[in-house]
Amino acid sequence: MVRLIRSGILLAWLGAGTALYPVTPRAVDQDESQPQPKDQMFSGTVTAVDDTSLTVVRVGQGKVAATRTFDITAETRFEGGKLKVSARVTVRFVTTDEGDRAIHVIVRGTGKK
């Protein structure tokens, strides 16, 4: 009987302590509520390039050509050489509401041999 009373007092004390220090849910950052765009890759040959955009075409054997135009921003990184028409490139990009934005462009060489 004494143990039952002590257990009851202990449980009441623990319950009161929890009520004094309620657990609040972690604040959700706005960055976490909006999913980040997923990086994608596209490789091919440059058909047009200017200060704000890059157009790349990919042709597979027996397949229809796929053409993509990417926006170039100040954050776009370039690697491997000078970007020019007929250069072979690999573009890492994200798709946004405004279109495809190039994140990283790797120049692999010219497409002509």
C-alpha atoms as a PDB file:
ATOM      1  CA  MET A   1       0.000   0.000   0.000  1.00  0.00           C
ATOM      2  CA  VAL A   2       2.847   2.343   0.842  1.00  0.00           C
ATOM      3  CA  ARG A   3       4.498   1.550  -2.492  1.00  0.00           C
ATOM      4  CA  LEU A   4       1.283   2.326  -4.326  1.00  0.00           C
ATOM      5  CA  ILE A   5       1.030   5.716  -2.633  1.00  0.00           C
ATOM      6  CA  ARG A   6       4.700   6.497  -3.314  1.00  0.00           C
ATOM      7  CA  SER A   7       4.264   5.475  -6.965  1.00  0.00           C
ATOM      8  CA  GLY A   8       1.202   7.693  -7.262  1.00  0.00           C
ATOM      9  CA  ILE A   9       3.059  10.644  -5.746  1.00  0.00           C
ATOM     10  CA  LEU A  10       6.025  10.055  -8.061  1.00  0.00           C
ATOM     11  CA  LEU A  11       3.795   9.906 -11.143  1.00  0.00           C
ATOM     12  CA  ALA A  12       1.937  13.052 -10.065  1.00  0.00           C
ATOM     13  CA  TRP A  13       5.230  14.856  -9.514  1.00  0.00           C
ATOM     14  CA  LEU A  14       6.583  13.801 -12.907  1.00  0.00           C
ATOM     15  CA  GLY A  15       3.336  14.839 -14.594  1.00  0.00           C
ATOM     16  CA  ALA A  16       3.429  18.258 -12.920  1.00  0.00           C
ATOM     17  CA  GLY A  17       7.047  18.748 -13.998  1.00  0.00           C
ATOM     18  CA  THR A  18       6.124  18.006 -17.583  1.00  0.00           C
ATOM     19  CA  ALA A  19       3.270  20.488 -17.431  1.00  0.00           C
ATOM     20  CA  LEU A  20       5.630  23.201 -16.208  1.00  0.00           C
ATOM     21  CA  TYR A  21       8.073  22.621 -19.099  1.00  0.00           C
ATOM     22  CA  PRO A  22       5.972  21.785 -22.124  1.00  0.00           C
ATOM     23  CA  VAL A  23       7.688  20.520 -25.222  1.00  0.00           C
ATOM     24  CA  THR A  24       7.215  22.985 -28.029  1.00  0.00           C
ATOM     25  CA  PRO A  25       7.445  21.872 -31.628  1.00  0.00           C
ATOM     26  CA  ARG A  26      10.557  22.945 -33.510  1.00  0.00           C
ATOM     27  CA  ALA A  27      10.037  26.053 -35.600  1.00  0.00           C
ATOM     28  CA  VAL A  28       9.956  25.200 -39.281  1.00  0.00           C
ATOM     29  CA  ASP A  29      12.251  27.279 -41.450  1.00  0.00           C
ATOM     30  CA  GLN A  30      10.772  28.581 -44.658  1.00  0.00           C
ATOM     31  CA  ASP A  31      13.600  26.881 -46.562  1.00  0.00           C
ATOM     32  CA  GLU A  32      12.452  23.485 -45.284  1.00  0.00           C
ATOM     33  CA  SER A  33       8.830  24.032 -46.262  1.00  0.00           C
ATOM     34  CA  GLN A  34       9.752  24.699 -49.897  1.00  0.00           C
ATOM     35  CA  PRO A  35      11.505  21.757 -51.565  1.00  0.00           C
ATOM     36  CA  GLN A  36      14.768  22.666 -53.224  1.00  0.00           C
ATOM     37  CA  PRO A  37      14.932  22.111 -56.990  1.00  0.00           C
ATOM     38  CA  LYS A  38      16.691  18.888 -57.873  1.00  0.00           C
ATOM     39  CA  ASP A  39      19.912  19.067 -59.913  1.00  0.00           C
ATOM     40  CA  GLN A  40      19.815  17.459 -63.338  1.00  0.00           C
ATOM     41  CA  MET A  41      22.427  16.844 -66.052  1.00  0.00           C
ATOM     42  CA  PHE A  42      22.341  17.367 -69.816  1.00  0.00           C
ATOM     43  CA  SER A  43      25.203  16.686 -72.231  1.00  0.00           C
ATOM     44  CA  GLY A  44      25.518  17.624 -75.868  1.00  0.00           C
ATOM     45  CA  THR A  45      26.905  20.114 -78.364  1.00  0.00           C
ATOM     46  CA  VAL A  46      26.552  23.893 -78.029  1.00  0.00           C
ATOM     47  CA  THR A  47      24.475  25.401 -80.841  1.00  0.00           C
ATOM     48  CA  ALA A  48      24.161  28.955 -79.477  1.00  0.00           C
ATOM     49  CA  VAL A  49      25.720  30.933 -76.652  1.00  0.00           C
ATOM     50  CA  ASP A  50      25.502  34.530 -75.421  1.00  0.00           C
ATOM     51  CA  ASP A  51      25.890  36.390 -72.115  1.00  0.00           C
ATOM     52  CA  THR A  52      22.562  35.217 -70.671  1.00  0.00           C
ATOM     53  CA  SER A  53      21.812  31.823 -72.243  1.00  0.00           C
ATOM     54  CA  LEU A  54      23.276  28.609 -73.592  1.00  0.00           C
ATOM     55  CA  THR A  55      21.585  26.250 -76.068  1.00  0.00           C
ATOM     56  CA  VAL A  56      22.692  22.609 -76.217  1.00  0.00           C
ATOM     57  CA  VAL A  57      21.494  19.852 -78.563  1.00  0.00           C
ATOM     58  CA  ARG A  58      21.829  16.123 -77.852  1.00  0.00           C
ATOM     59  CA  VAL A  59      21.488  13.610 -80.673  1.00  0.00           C
ATOM     60  CA  GLY A  60      21.515   9.900 -79.934  1.00  0.00           C
ATOM     61  CA  GLN A  61      21.849   7.164 -82.528  1.00  0.00           C
ATOM     62  CA  GLY A  62      18.438   6.586 -84.053  1.00  0.00           C
ATOM     63  CA  LYS A  63      16.817   9.028 -81.642  1.00  0.00           C
ATOM     64  CA  VAL A  64      15.184  12.411 -82.047  1.00  0.00           C
ATOM     65  CA  ALA A  65      17.413  15.378 -81.184  1.00  0.00           C
ATOM     66  CA  ALA A  66      16.758  16.968 -77.812  1.00  0.00           C
ATOM     67  CA  THR A  67      17.444  20.697 -77.474  1.00  0.00           C
ATOM     68  CA  ARG A  68      17.641  22.601 -74.207  1.00  0.00           C
ATOM     69  CA  THR A  69      18.243  26.295 -73.494  1.00  0.00           C
ATOM     70  CA  PHE A  70      19.745  27.216 -70.133  1.00  0.00           C
ATOM     71  CA  ASP A  71      19.850  30.598 -68.391  1.00  0.00           C
ATOM     72  CA  ILE A  72      23.340  31.708 -67.373  1.00  0.00           C
ATOM     73  CA  THR A  73      23.643  33.743 -64.157  1.00  0.00           C
ATOM     74  CA  ALA A  74      26.506  35.228 -62.183  1.00  0.00           C
ATOM     75  CA  GLU A  75      26.512  32.066 -60.017  1.00  0.00           C
ATOM     76  CA  THR A  76      27.026  29.734 -63.015  1.00  0.00           C
ATOM     77  CA  ARG A  77      30.458  28.082 -62.821  1.00  0.00           C
ATOM     78  CA  PHE A  78      32.450  27.177 -65.944  1.00  0.00           C
ATOM     79  CA  GLU A  79      35.180  24.547 -66.147  1.00  0.00           C
ATOM     80  CA  GLY A  80      37.395  23.018 -68.814  1.00  0.00           C
ATOM     81  CA  GLY A  81      37.895  25.716 -71.420  1.00  0.00           C
ATOM     82  CA  LYS A  82      36.267  28.413 -73.498  1.00  0.00           C
ATOM     83  CA  LEU A  83      32.560  28.055 -74.144  1.00  0.00           C
ATOM     84  CA  LYS A  84      31.810  28.430 -77.855  1.00  0.00           C
ATOM     85  CA  VAL A  85      29.533  27.058 -80.562  1.00  0.00           C
ATOM     86  CA  SER A  86      30.231  23.387 -81.448  1.00  0.00           C
ATOM     87  CA  ALA A  87      31.891  22.692 -78.065  1.00  0.00           C
ATOM     88  CA  ARG A  88      30.816  19.516 -76.287  1.00  0.00           C
ATOM     89  CA  VAL A  89      29.508  20.290 -72.803  1.00  0.00           C
ATOM     90  CA  THR A  90      27.864  18.785 -69.774  1.00  0.00           C
ATOM     91  CA  VAL A  91      25.481  21.117 -67.958  1.00  0.00           C
ATOM     92  CA  ARG A  92      24.286  20.657 -64.387  1.00  0.00           C
ATOM     93  CA  PHE A  93      21.057  22.613 -64.018  1.00  0.00           C
ATOM     94  CA  VAL A  94      17.893  23.128 -61.999  1.00  0.00           C
ATOM     95  CA  THR A  95      14.420  23.693 -63.376  1.00  0.00           C
ATOM     96  CA  THR A  96      12.679  26.747 -61.919  1.00  0.00           C
ATOM     97  CA  ASP A  97       9.497  28.631 -62.748  1.00  0.00           C
ATOM     98  CA  GLU A  98      11.537  30.908 -65.028  1.00  0.00           C
ATOM     99  CA  GLY A  99      13.108  27.985 -66.933  1.00  0.00           C
ATOM    100  CA  ASP A 100      16.254  25.862 -66.764  1.00  0.00           C
ATOM    101  CA  ARG A 101      19.127  27.588 -64.933  1.00  0.00           C
ATOM    102  CA  ALA A 102      22.694  26.371 -65.474  1.00  0.00           C
ATOM    103  CA  ILE A 103      24.623  25.814 -62.253  1.00  0.00           C
ATOM    104  CA  HIS A 104      27.832  24.257 -63.605  1.00  0.00           C
ATOM    105  CA  VAL A 105      29.040  23.925 -67.209  1.00  0.00           C
ATOM    106  CA  ILE A 106      31.910  21.575 -68.067  1.00  0.00           C
ATOM    107  CA  VAL A 107      33.441  22.140 -71.512  1.00  0.00           C
ATOM    108  CA  ARG A 108      34.724  18.824 -72.901  1.00  0.00           C
ATOM    109  CA  GLY A 109      36.150  19.994 -76.244  1.00  0.00           C
ATOM    110  CA  THR A 110      34.926  20.688 -79.749  1.00  0.00           C
ATOM    111  CA  GLY A 111      32.404  18.407 -81.398  1.00  0.00           C
ATOM    112  CA  LYS A 112      34.100  18.618 -84.810  1.00  0.00           C
ATOM    113  CA  LYS A 113      36.960  16.264 -85.638  1.00  0.00           C
END
